[in-house]
Every structure is written in structure tokens, then in C-alpha cells.
Amino acid sequence: MLIVRKALILSISLTVIFSACSTQQVVNSENKTARLQISREQTPAKDDIAELNSIVLLPNVPEEVIWREEVDGKNHKKLVAVMRFSQEDEKNIIEKAKSYREPESAEVSAEDWFPPELSAQTELAGDETLKGISYSAKDFIQLPYTSGRLVKISNSDYFVLELSTE
């Protein structure tokens, strides 16, 4: 009888331990997702050109900039910057970017912090994406960023720079 009682206690204990571990994993996964969402929402868009220039290379000084940098759960960084340059600088940036690779059609997901002109474009089109031409971002990339693209948004004076560490 004593052996049966010990076996019963052991099996109940193991059941509790294993079910607690598996439940904890689900809870942890849900908490991690919630933390990432909160982290993204708490990452404000910035407009400091000097700070952006310390993170990426700016071959020309933009007349206007708004940007946001995010870090995901794997410590991969993503930076999105919306920039407007003078007409002369815009022309030079495009010409140099073309020398690295052929431009191609592209779409950019519109963010709620983008300038009003770009938000209006998405509302008029009834689409959450902005259309444009994608160029090489080689002249903007600086470690830790290793890849990205520069998209000139159609029917606007804006570029969207997207860089990542992946």
C-alpha cells in the first residue's frame, strides 16, 4: 500500500511539474509577443537629422526627415526613414544609386507616423502601400546595418530608406 501511495504522489507531482512547464512556455510566448508590440508602440518617430546621421550614412543632408528604429526579439534592428532632399541632391542621389544596380518598382508599407502627404496618398489610393522606385541604399548603409533599399515615392518629393541588420 505504501508503494502504491508513493507511486501515486510521484505521478501527480510529475504531472503538475510538466503541465506547469508547458503552460509557462505558452504564457512566456504570449508575454514576449506583447512586449514586442509594446516596444514597437513605445518607439517614437524622431526628426533629429544629427542623430540619424550618427546611425546611418547621409550622403546629402535632407531638408526634412522623420525616422524610427526598432529592435525585434532576436536583436535584429530595422530602421525606416522618410527623407526629402533638395532637387539637386535628389538628382545626385538617384544617379549614384543607379550606378550600383538597376532601379525597380517597389511598394512600401505606409506607417502612421509618415508625413501627411504620404498618408494622403494611401487614403486616395485606398491602399496601405506607397508605390515607388527602389534603388540601392549602399551610400546610406553603416554598421550594424547590412542591407536595405532606398525607395523614391511616386508623385512626391519623399524617399523612404529601409535598412536592417538581417
Protein backbone atom coordinates (compact mmCIF):
# COMPACT_ATOMS: atom_id res chain seq x y z
CA MET A 1 0.00 0.00 0.00
CA LEU A 2 2.87 2.36 0.82
CA ILE A 3 4.46 1.74 -2.59
CA VAL A 4 1.18 2.48 -4.40
CA ARG A 5 0.75 5.69 -2.41
CA LYS A 6 4.32 6.85 -3.24
CA ALA A 7 3.80 6.00 -6.92
CA LEU A 8 0.54 7.98 -6.96
CA ILE A 9 2.19 11.00 -5.32
CA LEU A 10 5.11 10.79 -7.74
CA SER A 11 2.84 10.61 -10.80
CA ILE A 12 0.73 13.55 -9.59
CA SER A 13 3.88 15.57 -8.88
CA LEU A 14 5.31 14.85 -12.33
CA THR A 15 2.01 15.74 -13.99
CA VAL A 16 1.90 19.07 -12.16
CA ILE A 17 5.54 19.84 -12.99
CA PHE A 18 5.25 19.03 -16.70
CA SER A 19 1.94 20.80 -17.18
CA ALA A 20 3.29 23.86 -15.37
CA CYS A 21 6.33 23.94 -17.63
CA SER A 22 4.28 23.67 -20.81
CA THR A 23 1.80 26.29 -19.60
CA GLN A 24 4.65 28.60 -18.66
CA GLN A 25 6.09 28.31 -22.15
CA VAL A 26 2.81 29.43 -23.73
CA VAL A 27 2.50 32.28 -21.24
CA ASN A 28 6.11 33.31 -21.90
CA SER A 29 5.50 33.24 -25.64
CA GLU A 30 2.40 35.40 -25.24
CA ASN A 31 4.25 37.80 -22.93
CA LYS A 32 7.13 38.06 -25.39
CA THR A 33 4.73 38.93 -28.23
CA ALA A 34 3.03 41.51 -26.04
CA ARG A 35 6.39 43.02 -25.03
CA LEU A 36 7.45 43.31 -28.67
CA GLN A 37 4.18 45.02 -29.57
CA ILE A 38 4.50 47.42 -26.64
CA SER A 39 8.15 48.05 -27.56
CA ARG A 40 7.16 48.95 -31.12
CA GLU A 41 4.39 51.25 -29.94
CA GLN A 42 6.73 52.94 -27.47
CA THR A 43 9.38 53.59 -30.11
CA PRO A 44 8.59 57.13 -31.18
CA ALA A 45 9.38 58.53 -34.59
CA LYS A 46 12.24 61.03 -34.46
CA ASP A 47 13.18 64.01 -36.61
CA ASP A 48 16.75 64.65 -35.45
CA ILE A 49 18.97 64.69 -38.55
CA ALA A 50 22.18 64.66 -36.49
CA GLU A 51 21.09 61.56 -34.57
CA LEU A 52 20.10 59.80 -37.79
CA ASN A 53 23.47 60.74 -39.30
CA SER A 54 25.21 59.02 -36.37
CA ILE A 55 23.35 55.78 -37.17
CA VAL A 56 23.42 55.75 -40.98
CA LEU A 57 25.44 57.50 -43.65
CA LEU A 58 23.75 60.54 -45.15
CA PRO A 59 25.47 61.39 -48.44
CA ASN A 60 23.48 64.64 -48.51
CA VAL A 61 21.72 66.48 -45.71
CA PRO A 62 17.95 66.08 -46.02
CA GLU A 63 15.71 69.13 -45.86
CA GLU A 64 13.20 67.10 -43.89
CA VAL A 65 13.43 63.75 -42.10
CA ILE A 66 11.37 61.57 -39.83
CA TRP A 67 12.56 58.10 -38.82
CA ARG A 68 12.15 55.21 -36.45
CA GLU A 69 14.47 52.42 -35.37
CA GLU A 70 13.12 49.15 -33.96
CA VAL A 71 14.66 46.03 -32.43
CA ASP A 72 12.89 42.67 -32.61
CA GLY A 73 13.18 39.78 -30.14
CA LYS A 74 16.28 38.41 -31.88
CA ASN A 75 18.13 41.75 -31.59
CA HIS A 76 17.72 42.42 -35.30
CA LYS A 77 17.40 46.12 -35.98
CA LYS A 78 15.24 47.80 -38.57
CA LEU A 79 15.36 51.46 -39.47
CA VAL A 80 12.82 53.28 -41.61
CA ALA A 81 13.45 56.91 -42.52
CA VAL A 82 11.34 59.22 -44.65
CA MET A 83 13.50 61.95 -46.16
CA ARG A 84 13.09 64.90 -48.50
CA PHE A 85 16.13 66.35 -50.26
CA SER A 86 16.70 69.41 -52.42
CA GLN A 87 16.04 68.80 -56.13
CA GLU A 88 19.77 68.87 -56.88
CA ASP A 89 20.61 66.42 -54.08
CA GLU A 90 17.72 64.17 -55.12
CA LYS A 91 19.07 64.01 -58.67
CA ASN A 92 22.60 63.20 -57.45
CA ILE A 93 21.39 60.51 -55.04
CA ILE A 94 19.36 58.80 -57.78
CA GLU A 95 22.18 58.92 -60.33
CA LYS A 96 24.70 57.44 -57.91
CA ALA A 97 22.26 54.75 -56.69
CA LYS A 98 21.59 53.74 -60.31
CA SER A 99 25.29 53.01 -60.74
CA TYR A 100 25.06 50.20 -58.14
CA ARG A 101 22.02 48.40 -59.56
CA GLU A 102 19.06 48.89 -61.85
CA PRO A 103 16.06 50.61 -60.26
CA GLU A 104 12.89 48.57 -59.91
CA SER A 105 9.24 49.10 -59.00
CA ALA A 106 8.58 48.82 -55.29
CA GLU A 107 5.94 49.19 -52.62
CA VAL A 108 6.43 50.49 -49.10
CA SER A 109 4.04 49.82 -46.23
CA ALA A 110 2.69 53.15 -45.01
CA GLU A 111 3.20 53.88 -41.32
CA ASP A 112 1.00 56.12 -39.19
CA TRP A 113 3.96 58.40 -38.43
CA PHE A 114 4.75 59.15 -42.10
CA PRO A 115 4.32 62.76 -43.29
CA PRO A 116 0.71 63.81 -44.04
CA GLU A 117 1.41 63.99 -47.80
CA LEU A 118 2.25 60.29 -47.88
CA SER A 119 -0.69 59.37 -45.65
CA ALA A 120 -2.98 61.25 -48.05
CA GLN A 121 -1.59 59.21 -50.96
CA THR A 122 -2.54 55.95 -49.28
CA GLU A 123 -6.02 57.25 -48.46
CA LEU A 124 -6.61 58.40 -52.06
CA ALA A 125 -5.42 55.08 -53.44
CA GLY A 126 -7.41 53.10 -50.87
CA ASP A 127 -4.28 51.07 -50.25
CA GLU A 128 -1.90 50.79 -47.29
CA THR A 129 1.16 50.81 -49.52
CA LEU A 130 3.05 53.55 -51.29
CA LYS A 131 4.30 52.94 -54.82
CA GLY A 132 7.73 54.00 -55.95
CA ILE A 133 11.06 53.11 -57.50
CA SER A 134 13.60 51.18 -55.44
CA TYR A 135 17.31 51.99 -55.62
CA SER A 136 20.40 50.67 -53.89
CA ALA A 137 20.87 52.00 -50.37
CA LYS A 138 24.63 51.38 -50.47
CA ASP A 139 25.53 55.02 -49.80
CA PHE A 140 23.40 55.04 -46.63
CA ILE A 141 24.40 51.72 -45.06
CA GLN A 142 26.62 51.81 -41.98
CA LEU A 143 27.17 49.03 -39.44
CA PRO A 144 25.30 47.47 -37.75
CA TYR A 145 23.03 47.73 -40.80
CA THR A 146 23.98 45.44 -43.66
CA SER A 147 21.13 45.59 -46.17
CA GLY A 148 18.36 47.82 -47.34
CA ARG A 149 16.76 49.84 -50.07
CA LEU A 150 16.00 53.44 -50.92
CA VAL A 151 12.57 54.00 -52.44
CA LYS A 152 11.63 57.22 -54.22
CA ILE A 153 7.88 57.51 -53.64
CA SER A 154 5.91 58.25 -56.81
CA ASN A 155 4.12 61.61 -57.04
CA SER A 156 6.02 63.06 -54.08
CA ASP A 157 9.35 64.56 -53.06
CA TYR A 158 9.99 61.85 -50.48
CA PHE A 159 12.35 58.91 -50.23
CA VAL A 160 11.83 56.02 -47.82
CA LEU A 161 15.03 54.40 -46.58
CA GLU A 162 14.65 50.90 -45.16
CA LEU A 163 17.69 49.29 -43.52
CA SER A 164 18.07 46.11 -41.49
CA THR A 165 20.73 44.09 -39.73
CA GLU A 166 19.49 40.79 -41.17
